[in-house]
PDB file of N, CA and C in Angstrom:
ATOM      1  N   MET A   1     -16.786   5.860 106.756  1.00  0.00           N
ATOM      2  CA  MET A   1     -16.499   6.638 105.555  1.00  0.00           C
ATOM      3  C   MET A   1     -16.327   5.726 104.367  1.00  0.00           C
ATOM      4  N   ARG A   2     -16.962   6.046 103.272  1.00  0.00           N
ATOM      5  CA  ARG A   2     -16.847   5.217 102.045  1.00  0.00           C
ATOM      6  C   ARG A   2     -15.579   5.528 101.374  1.00  0.00           C
ATOM      7  N   PRO A   3     -14.926   4.507 100.729  1.00  0.00           N
ATOM      8  CA  PRO A   3     -13.719   4.749  99.977  1.00  0.00           C
ATOM      9  C   PRO A   3     -14.026   5.583  98.742  1.00  0.00           C
ATOM     10  N   LYS A   4     -13.073   6.357  98.340  1.00  0.00           N
ATOM     11  CA  LYS A   4     -13.189   7.224  97.152  1.00  0.00           C
ATOM     12  C   LYS A   4     -13.357   6.328  95.940  1.00  0.00           C
ATOM     13  N   GLN A   5     -14.305   6.591  95.110  1.00  0.00           N
ATOM     14  CA  GLN A   5     -14.529   5.780  93.911  1.00  0.00           C
ATOM     15  C   GLN A   5     -13.778   6.424  92.723  1.00  0.00           C
ATOM     16  N   ASP A   6     -13.181   5.533  91.954  1.00  0.00           N
ATOM     17  CA  ASP A   6     -12.435   5.975  90.775  1.00  0.00           C
ATOM     18  C   ASP A   6     -13.313   5.812  89.524  1.00  0.00           C
ATOM     19  N   SER A   7     -13.989   6.845  89.121  1.00  0.00           N
ATOM     20  CA  SER A   7     -14.922   6.740  88.023  1.00  0.00           C
ATOM     21  C   SER A   7     -14.270   6.401  86.679  1.00  0.00           C
ATOM     22  N   ILE A   8     -13.030   6.808  86.529  1.00  0.00           N
ATOM     23  CA  ILE A   8     -12.339   6.432  85.245  1.00  0.00           C
ATOM     24  C   ILE A   8     -12.063   4.928  85.204  1.00  0.00           C
ATOM     25  N   ALA A   9     -11.538   4.411  86.317  1.00  0.00           N
ATOM     26  CA  ALA A   9     -11.259   2.958  86.345  1.00  0.00           C
ATOM     27  C   ALA A   9     -12.560   2.195  86.210  1.00  0.00           C
ATOM     28  N   PHE A  10     -13.628   2.654  86.779  1.00  0.00           N
ATOM     29  CA  PHE A  10     -14.935   1.963  86.678  1.00  0.00           C
ATOM     30  C   PHE A  10     -15.387   1.995  85.205  1.00  0.00           C
ATOM     31  N   ALA A  11     -15.273   3.111  84.519  1.00  0.00           N
ATOM     32  CA  ALA A  11     -15.706   3.223  83.105  1.00  0.00           C
ATOM     33  C   ALA A  11     -14.839   2.296  82.235  1.00  0.00           C
ATOM     34  N   ARG A  12     -13.581   2.196  82.507  1.00  0.00           N
ATOM     35  CA  ARG A  12     -12.698   1.259  81.770  1.00  0.00           C
ATOM     36  C   ARG A  12     -13.117  -0.175  81.985  1.00  0.00           C
ATOM     37  N   MET A  13     -13.354  -0.499  83.254  1.00  0.00           N
ATOM     38  CA  MET A  13     -13.805  -1.837  83.590  1.00  0.00           C
ATOM     39  C   MET A  13     -15.094  -2.195  82.875  1.00  0.00           C
ATOM     40  N   MET A  14     -16.048  -1.317  82.807  1.00  0.00           N
ATOM     41  CA  MET A  14     -17.325  -1.548  82.124  1.00  0.00           C
ATOM     42  C   MET A  14     -17.114  -1.648  80.636  1.00  0.00           C
ATOM     43  N   ALA A  15     -16.202  -0.855  80.033  1.00  0.00           N
ATOM     44  CA  ALA A  15     -15.915  -0.973  78.592  1.00  0.00           C
ATOM     45  C   ALA A  15     -15.325  -2.373  78.310  1.00  0.00           C
ATOM     46  N   GLN A  16     -14.447  -2.853  79.178  1.00  0.00           N
ATOM     47  CA  GLN A  16     -13.852  -4.158  78.975  1.00  0.00           C
ATOM     48  C   GLN A  16     -14.870  -5.285  79.113  1.00  0.00           C
ATOM     49  N   ILE A  17     -15.807  -5.169  80.058  1.00  0.00           N
ATOM     50  CA  ILE A  17     -16.866  -6.157  80.229  1.00  0.00           C
ATOM     51  C   ILE A  17     -17.737  -6.195  78.943  1.00  0.00           C
ATOM     52  N   GLU A  18     -18.084  -5.010  78.454  1.00  0.00           N
ATOM     53  CA  GLU A  18     -18.881  -4.931  77.249  1.00  0.00           C
ATOM     54  C   GLU A  18     -18.182  -5.543  76.045  1.00  0.00           C
ATOM     55  N   ALA A  19     -16.857  -5.314  75.933  1.00  0.00           N
ATOM     56  CA  ALA A  19     -16.048  -5.903  74.873  1.00  0.00           C
ATOM     57  C   ALA A  19     -16.054  -7.424  75.008  1.00  0.00           C
ATOM     58  N   ASP A  20     -15.918  -7.944  76.199  1.00  0.00           N
ATOM     59  CA  ASP A  20     -15.954  -9.411  76.403  1.00  0.00           C
ATOM     60  C   ASP A  20     -17.294  -9.970  75.928  1.00  0.00           C
ATOM     61  N   ASP A  21     -18.393  -9.265  76.258  1.00  0.00           N
ATOM     62  CA  ASP A  21     -19.686  -9.726  75.819  1.00  0.00           C
ATOM     63  C   ASP A  21     -19.922  -9.635  74.348  1.00  0.00           C
ATOM     64  N   ASN A  22     -19.084  -8.818  73.655  1.00  0.00           N
ATOM     65  CA  ASN A  22     -19.271  -8.651  72.202  1.00  0.00           C
ATOM     66  C   ASN A  22     -18.030  -9.215  71.410  1.00  0.00           C
ATOM     67  N   HIS A  23     -17.458 -10.234  71.939  1.00  0.00           N
ATOM     68  CA  HIS A  23     -16.310 -10.867  71.223  1.00  0.00           C
ATOM     69  C   HIS A  23     -16.765 -11.255  69.838  1.00  0.00           C
ATOM     70  N   PRO A  24     -15.948 -10.960  68.825  1.00  0.00           N
ATOM     71  CA  PRO A  24     -16.407 -11.218  67.422  1.00  0.00           C
ATOM     72  C   PRO A  24     -16.623 -12.688  67.135  1.00  0.00           C
ATOM     73  N   LYS A  25     -16.015 -13.596  67.894  1.00  0.00           N
ATOM     74  CA  LYS A  25     -16.096 -15.050  67.638  1.00  0.00           C
ATOM     75  C   LYS A  25     -16.289 -15.713  69.015  1.00  0.00           C
ATOM     76  N   PRO A  26     -17.544 -15.749  69.539  1.00  0.00           N
ATOM     77  CA  PRO A  26     -17.776 -16.269  70.896  1.00  0.00           C
ATOM     78  C   PRO A  26     -17.259 -17.684  71.165  1.00  0.00           C
ATOM     79  N   ASP A  27     -17.115 -18.482  70.146  1.00  0.00           N
ATOM     80  CA  ASP A  27     -16.641 -19.862  70.346  1.00  0.00           C
ATOM     81  C   ASP A  27     -15.123 -19.950  70.179  1.00  0.00           C
ATOM     82  N   ASP A  28     -14.390 -18.860  70.326  1.00  0.00           N
ATOM     83  CA  ASP A  28     -12.952 -18.825  70.123  1.00  0.00           C
ATOM     84  C   ASP A  28     -12.146 -19.285  71.350  1.00  0.00           C
ATOM     85  N   GLY A  29     -12.798 -19.746  72.323  1.00  0.00           N
ATOM     86  CA  GLY A  29     -12.107 -20.203  73.560  1.00  0.00           C
ATOM     87  C   GLY A  29     -12.239 -19.241  74.694  1.00  0.00           C
ATOM     88  N   LYS A  30     -11.732 -19.639  75.828  1.00  0.00           N
ATOM     89  CA  LYS A  30     -11.803 -18.847  77.052  1.00  0.00           C
ATOM     90  C   LYS A  30     -11.052 -17.547  76.913  1.00  0.00           C
ATOM     91  N   ILE A  31     -11.591 -16.441  77.454  1.00  0.00           N
ATOM     92  CA  ILE A  31     -10.891 -15.134  77.434  1.00  0.00           C
ATOM     93  C   ILE A  31      -9.906 -15.180  78.584  1.00  0.00           C
ATOM     94  N   ILE A  32      -8.615 -15.009  78.210  1.00  0.00           N
ATOM     95  CA  ILE A  32      -7.531 -14.993  79.170  1.00  0.00           C
ATOM     96  C   ILE A  32      -7.109 -13.529  79.402  1.00  0.00           C
ATOM     97  N   GLU A  33      -7.100 -13.174  80.688  1.00  0.00           N
ATOM     98  CA  GLU A  33      -6.652 -11.769  81.000  1.00  0.00           C
ATOM     99  C   GLU A  33      -5.161 -11.808  81.391  1.00  0.00           C
ATOM    100  N   LEU A  34      -4.425 -10.864  80.787  1.00  0.00           N
ATOM    101  CA  LEU A  34      -2.981 -10.734  81.062  1.00  0.00           C
ATOM    102  C   LEU A  34      -2.803  -9.960  82.384  1.00  0.00           C
ATOM    103  N   ASP A  35      -1.840 -10.367  83.194  1.00  0.00           N
ATOM    104  CA  ASP A  35      -1.515  -9.648  84.429  1.00  0.00           C
ATOM    105  C   ASP A  35      -1.039  -8.233  84.067  1.00  0.00           C
ATOM    106  N   LEU A  36      -1.323  -7.286  84.930  1.00  0.00           N
ATOM    107  CA  LEU A  36      -0.987  -5.892  84.656  1.00  0.00           C
ATOM    108  C   LEU A  36       0.450  -5.674  84.274  1.00  0.00           C
ATOM    109  N   GLY A  37       1.401  -6.304  84.908  1.00  0.00           N
ATOM    110  CA  GLY A  37       2.806  -6.120  84.568  1.00  0.00           C
ATOM    111  C   GLY A  37       3.247  -6.847  83.330  1.00  0.00           C
ATOM    112  N   LYS A  38       2.371  -7.681  82.765  1.00  0.00           N
ATOM    113  CA  LYS A  38       2.740  -8.503  81.599  1.00  0.00           C
ATOM    114  C   LYS A  38       1.951  -8.146  80.326  1.00  0.00           C
ATOM    115  N   GLN A  39       1.316  -6.979  80.353  1.00  0.00           N
ATOM    116  CA  GLN A  39       0.523  -6.574  79.185  1.00  0.00           C
ATOM    117  C   GLN A  39       1.446  -5.898  78.163  1.00  0.00           C
ATOM    118  N   PRO A  40       1.660  -6.518  77.029  1.00  0.00           N
ATOM    119  CA  PRO A  40       2.635  -5.952  76.073  1.00  0.00           C
ATOM    120  C   PRO A  40       2.090  -4.683  75.392  1.00  0.00           C
ATOM    121  N   LEU A  41       3.017  -3.792  75.057  1.00  0.00           N
ATOM    122  CA  LEU A  41       2.712  -2.646  74.222  1.00  0.00           C
ATOM    123  C   LEU A  41       2.572  -3.150  72.813  1.00  0.00           C
ATOM    124  N   VAL A  42       1.558  -2.710  72.105  1.00  0.00           N
ATOM    125  CA  VAL A  42       1.276  -3.221  70.759  1.00  0.00           C
ATOM    126  C   VAL A  42       0.874  -2.065  69.794  1.00  0.00           C
ATOM    127  N   ARG A  43       0.888  -2.470  68.525  1.00  0.00           N
ATOM    128  CA  ARG A  43       0.458  -1.571  67.452  1.00  0.00           C
ATOM    129  C   ARG A  43      -0.503  -2.387  66.579  1.00  0.00           C
ATOM    130  N   VAL A  44      -1.649  -1.759  66.252  1.00  0.00           N
ATOM    131  CA  VAL A  44      -2.562  -2.338  65.319  1.00  0.00           C
ATOM    132  C   VAL A  44      -2.840  -1.251  64.245  1.00  0.00           C
ATOM    133  N   GLY A  45      -2.222  -1.371  63.119  1.00  0.00           N
ATOM    134  CA  GLY A  45      -2.334  -0.268  62.125  1.00  0.00           C
ATOM    135  C   GLY A  45      -1.686   0.942  62.685  1.00  0.00           C
ATOM    136  N   GLU A  46      -2.490   2.006  62.788  1.00  0.00           N
ATOM    137  CA  GLU A  46      -2.001   3.284  63.334  1.00  0.00           C
ATOM    138  C   GLU A  46      -2.304   3.435  64.852  1.00  0.00           C
ATOM    139  N   ILE A  47      -2.901   2.411  65.438  1.00  0.00           N
ATOM    140  CA  ILE A  47      -3.268   2.440  66.878  1.00  0.00           C
ATOM    141  C   ILE A  47      -2.150   1.864  67.703  1.00  0.00           C
ATOM    142  N   TYR A  48      -1.746   2.631  68.719  1.00  0.00           N
ATOM    143  CA  TYR A  48      -0.759   2.148  69.656  1.00  0.00           C
ATOM    144  C   TYR A  48      -1.472   1.956  71.005  1.00  0.00           C
ATOM    145  N   GLY A  49      -1.358   0.772  71.571  1.00  0.00           N
ATOM    146  CA  GLY A  49      -2.027   0.540  72.841  1.00  0.00           C
ATOM    147  C   GLY A  49      -1.362  -0.583  73.607  1.00  0.00           C
ATOM    148  N   ARG A  50      -2.209  -1.257  74.405  1.00  0.00           N
ATOM    149  CA  ARG A  50      -1.717  -2.337  75.241  1.00  0.00           C
ATOM    150  C   ARG A  50      -2.626  -3.510  75.094  1.00  0.00           C
ATOM    151  N   ALA A  51      -2.048  -4.759  74.845  1.00  0.00           N
ATOM    152  CA  ALA A  51      -2.895  -5.981  74.820  1.00  0.00           C
ATOM    153  C   ALA A  51      -3.247  -6.326  76.226  1.00  0.00           C
ATOM    154  N   ILE A  52      -4.555  -6.541  76.520  1.00  0.00           N
ATOM    155  CA  ILE A  52      -4.947  -6.798  77.888  1.00  0.00           C
ATOM    156  C   ILE A  52      -5.618  -8.195  78.066  1.00  0.00           C
ATOM    157  N   LYS A  53      -6.163  -8.731  76.985  1.00  0.00           N
ATOM    158  CA  LYS A  53      -6.809 -10.053  77.040  1.00  0.00           C
ATOM    159  C   LYS A  53      -6.624 -10.724  75.681  1.00  0.00           C
ATOM    160  N   TYR A  54      -6.823 -12.062  75.677  1.00  0.00           N
ATOM    161  CA  TYR A  54      -6.740 -12.742  74.378  1.00  0.00           C
ATOM    162  C   TYR A  54      -7.563 -14.028  74.443  1.00  0.00           C
ATOM    163  N   THR A  55      -7.860 -14.485  73.224  1.00  0.00           N
ATOM    164  CA  THR A  55      -8.487 -15.828  73.027  1.00  0.00           C
ATOM    165  C   THR A  55      -7.589 -16.489  71.973  1.00  0.00           C
ATOM    166  N   ARG A  56      -8.021 -17.604  71.428  1.00  0.00           N
ATOM    167  CA  ARG A  56      -7.139 -18.371  70.457  1.00  0.00           C
ATOM    168  C   ARG A  56      -6.762 -17.460  69.259  1.00  0.00           C
ATOM    169  N   SER A  57      -7.663 -16.695  68.742  1.00  0.00           N
ATOM    170  CA  SER A  57      -7.341 -15.944  67.503  1.00  0.00           C
ATOM    171  C   SER A  57      -7.624 -14.446  67.567  1.00  0.00           C
ATOM    172  N   PHE A  58      -7.849 -13.898  68.725  1.00  0.00           N
ATOM    173  CA  PHE A  58      -8.148 -12.469  68.856  1.00  0.00           C
ATOM    174  C   PHE A  58      -7.412 -11.920  70.128  1.00  0.00           C
ATOM    175  N   GLY A  59      -7.124 -10.649  70.075  1.00  0.00           N
ATOM    176  CA  GLY A  59      -6.554  -9.944  71.201  1.00  0.00           C
ATOM    177  C   GLY A  59      -7.373  -8.697  71.527  1.00  0.00           C
ATOM    178  N   LEU A  60      -7.545  -8.412  72.798  1.00  0.00           N
ATOM    179  CA  LEU A  60      -8.250  -7.207  73.195  1.00  0.00           C
ATOM    180  C   LEU A  60      -7.218  -6.162  73.503  1.00  0.00           C
ATOM    181  N   VAL A  61      -7.318  -5.029  72.766  1.00  0.00           N
ATOM    182  CA  VAL A  61      -6.322  -3.947  72.898  1.00  0.00           C
ATOM    183  C   VAL A  61      -7.065  -2.693  73.439  1.00  0.00           C
ATOM    184  N   GLU A  62      -6.373  -2.066  74.405  1.00  0.00           N
ATOM    185  CA  GLU A  62      -6.869  -0.819  74.970  1.00  0.00           C
ATOM    186  C   GLU A  62      -5.911   0.312  74.552  1.00  0.00           C
ATOM    187  N   TRP A  63      -6.490   1.492  74.304  1.00  0.00           N
ATOM    188  CA  TRP A  63      -5.701   2.673  73.962  1.00  0.00           C
ATOM    189  C   TRP A  63      -6.494   3.941  74.294  1.00  0.00           C
ATOM    190  N   VAL A  64      -5.726   5.015  74.315  1.00  0.00           N
ATOM    191  CA  VAL A  64      -6.322   6.364  74.494  1.00  0.00           C
ATOM    192  C   VAL A  64      -6.017   7.166  73.227  1.00  0.00           C
ATOM    193  N   ASP A  65      -7.052   7.752  72.662  1.00  0.00           N
ATOM    194  CA  ASP A  65      -6.830   8.486  71.387  1.00  0.00           C
ATOM    195  C   ASP A  65      -6.333   9.927  71.693  1.00  0.00           C
ATOM    196  N   ASP A  66      -6.131  10.674  70.593  1.00  0.00           N
ATOM    197  CA  ASP A  66      -5.624  12.068  70.700  1.00  0.00           C
ATOM    198  C   ASP A  66      -6.487  12.959  71.545  1.00  0.00           C
ATOM    199  N   ARG A  67      -7.786  12.645  71.685  1.00  0.00           N
ATOM    200  CA  ARG A  67      -8.682  13.469  72.505  1.00  0.00           C
ATOM    201  C   ARG A  67      -8.753  12.949  73.927  1.00  0.00           C
ATOM    202  N   ARG A  68      -7.909  11.974  74.254  1.00  0.00           N
ATOM    203  CA  ARG A  68      -7.780  11.317  75.551  1.00  0.00           C
ATOM    204  C   ARG A  68      -9.039  10.535  75.903  1.00  0.00           C
ATOM    205  N   VAL A  69      -9.672   9.955  74.863  1.00  0.00           N
ATOM    206  CA  VAL A  69     -10.812   9.091  75.033  1.00  0.00           C
ATOM    207  C   VAL A  69     -10.332   7.615  75.051  1.00  0.00           C
ATOM    208  N   TYR A  70     -10.756   6.874  76.039  1.00  0.00           N
ATOM    209  CA  TYR A  70     -10.383   5.462  76.198  1.00  0.00           C
ATOM    210  C   TYR A  70     -11.133   4.563  75.221  1.00  0.00           C
ATOM    211  N   HIS A  71     -10.457   3.644  74.618  1.00  0.00           N
ATOM    212  CA  HIS A  71     -11.055   2.670  73.687  1.00  0.00           C
ATOM    213  C   HIS A  71     -10.601   1.269  74.054  1.00  0.00           C
ATOM    214  N   VAL A  72     -11.355   0.298  73.767  1.00  0.00           N
ATOM    215  CA  VAL A  72     -10.988  -1.109  73.868  1.00  0.00           C
ATOM    216  C   VAL A  72     -11.718  -1.838  72.745  1.00  0.00           C
ATOM    217  N   GLU A  73     -10.923  -2.693  72.000  1.00  0.00           N
ATOM    218  CA  GLU A  73     -11.500  -3.415  70.869  1.00  0.00           C
ATOM    219  C   GLU A  73     -10.776  -4.720  70.621  1.00  0.00           C
ATOM    220  N   TRP A  74     -11.495  -5.738  70.170  1.00  0.00           N
ATOM    221  CA  TRP A  74     -10.944  -6.980  69.800  1.00  0.00           C
ATOM    222  C   TRP A  74     -10.362  -6.866  68.351  1.00  0.00           C
ATOM    223  N   PHE A  75      -9.176  -7.394  68.137  1.00  0.00           N
ATOM    224  CA  PHE A  75      -8.529  -7.416  66.843  1.00  0.00           C
ATOM    225  C   PHE A  75      -8.052  -8.846  66.537  1.00  0.00           C
ATOM    226  N   PRO A  76      -8.116  -9.283  65.265  1.00  0.00           N
ATOM    227  CA  PRO A  76      -7.528 -10.554  64.937  1.00  0.00           C
ATOM    228  C   PRO A  76      -6.035 -10.573  65.347  1.00  0.00           C
ATOM    229  N   ALA A  77      -5.586 -11.665  65.906  1.00  0.00           N
ATOM    230  CA  ALA A  77      -4.218 -11.782  66.435  1.00  0.00           C
ATOM    231  C   ALA A  77      -3.184 -11.373  65.386  1.00  0.00           C
ATOM    232  N   GLY A  78      -3.414 -11.725  64.129  1.00  0.00           N
ATOM    233  CA  GLY A  78      -2.426 -11.426  63.063  1.00  0.00           C
ATOM    234  C   GLY A  78      -2.230  -9.978  62.799  1.00  0.00           C
ATOM    235  N   GLN A  79      -3.144  -9.141  63.256  1.00  0.00           N
ATOM    236  CA  GLN A  79      -3.040  -7.705  63.073  1.00  0.00           C
ATOM    237  C   GLN A  79      -2.297  -7.026  64.222  1.00  0.00           C
ATOM    238  N   ILE A  80      -2.139  -7.703  65.307  1.00  0.00           N
ATOM    239  CA  ILE A  80      -1.528  -7.127  66.520  1.00  0.00           C
ATOM    240  C   ILE A  80      -0.034  -7.375  66.512  1.00  0.00           C
ATOM    241  N   LYS A  81       0.776  -6.325  66.541  1.00  0.00           N
ATOM    242  CA  LYS A  81       2.208  -6.395  66.518  1.00  0.00           C
ATOM    243  C   LYS A  81       2.756  -5.869  67.825  1.00  0.00           C
ATOM    244  N   ARG A  82       3.655  -6.634  68.500  1.00  0.00           N
ATOM    245  CA  ARG A  82       4.295  -6.124  69.673  1.00  0.00           C
ATOM    246  C   ARG A  82       5.300  -5.038  69.266  1.00  0.00           C
ATOM    247  N   VAL A  83       5.483  -4.040  70.112  1.00  0.00           N
ATOM    248  CA  VAL A  83       6.475  -2.982  69.887  1.00  0.00           C
ATOM    249  C   VAL A  83       7.187  -2.748  71.207  1.00  0.00           C
ATOM    250  N   ASP A  84       8.459  -2.370  71.092  1.00  0.00           N
ATOM    251  CA  ASP A  84       9.199  -2.061  72.291  1.00  0.00           C
ATOM    252  C   ASP A  84       8.888  -0.639  72.752  1.00  0.00           C
ATOM    253  N   ARG A  85       9.238  -0.330  73.980  1.00  0.00           N
ATOM    254  CA  ARG A  85       8.904   0.997  74.552  1.00  0.00           C
ATOM    255  C   ARG A  85       9.417   2.136  73.711  1.00  0.00           C
ATOM    256  N   ASP A  86      10.587   1.997  73.114  1.00  0.00           N
ATOM    257  CA  ASP A  86      11.131   3.100  72.293  1.00  0.00           C
ATOM    258  C   ASP A  86      10.344   3.316  70.995  1.00  0.00           C
ATOM    259  N   SER A  87       9.722   2.284  70.468  1.00  0.00           N
ATOM    260  CA  SER A  87       8.949   2.414  69.243  1.00  0.00           C
ATOM    261  C   SER A  87       7.449   2.763  69.486  1.00  0.00           C
ATOM    262  N   TRP A  88       7.014   2.635  70.700  1.00  0.00           N
ATOM    263  CA  TRP A  88       5.607   2.824  71.019  1.00  0.00           C
ATOM    264  C   TRP A  88       5.263   4.319  70.928  1.00  0.00           C
ATOM    265  N   ARG A  89       4.195   4.661  70.222  1.00  0.00           N
ATOM    266  CA  ARG A  89       3.830   6.037  70.000  1.00  0.00           C
ATOM    267  C   ARG A  89       2.466   6.420  70.589  1.00  0.00           C
ATOM    268  N   GLY A  90       2.015   5.602  71.534  1.00  0.00           N
ATOM    269  CA  GLY A  90       0.677   5.823  72.100  1.00  0.00           C
ATOM    270  C   GLY A  90       0.666   6.832  73.261  1.00  0.00           C
ATOM    271  N   ARG A  91      -0.507   7.107  73.782  1.00  0.00           N
ATOM    272  CA  ARG A  91      -0.674   7.989  74.927  1.00  0.00           C
ATOM    273  C   ARG A  91      -0.662   7.142  76.166  1.00  0.00           C
ATOM    274  N   PRO A  92      -0.187   7.632  77.287  1.00  0.00           N
ATOM    275  CA  PRO A  92      -0.183   6.886  78.541  1.00  0.00           C
ATOM    276  C   PRO A  92      -1.631   6.387  78.842  1.00  0.00           C
ATOM    277  N   LEU A  93      -1.692   5.193  79.313  1.00  0.00           N
ATOM    278  CA  LEU A  93      -2.998   4.568  79.618  1.00  0.00           C
ATOM    279  C   LEU A  93      -3.419   4.759  81.047  1.00  0.00           C
TER     280      LEU A  93
END
């Protein structure tokens, strides 16, 4: 019997791979992935999400919008602000 496939997790993984391939500054150093339990809650402008990867000067942030659509995007590190759980206004990821 084949294991049940998680299509949502697969789609997220593919979005992250595509984001890695489209890093805005490819020579910015190795992409470091944060362990699941160590991914900080963050805010970038009006976006609340979770930082999942980083390079020297960029962070990869994932979030779910009001329509429950998953997004992942690289932002300059200076735009990413950590927030505590009480201040975080995002949707569960």
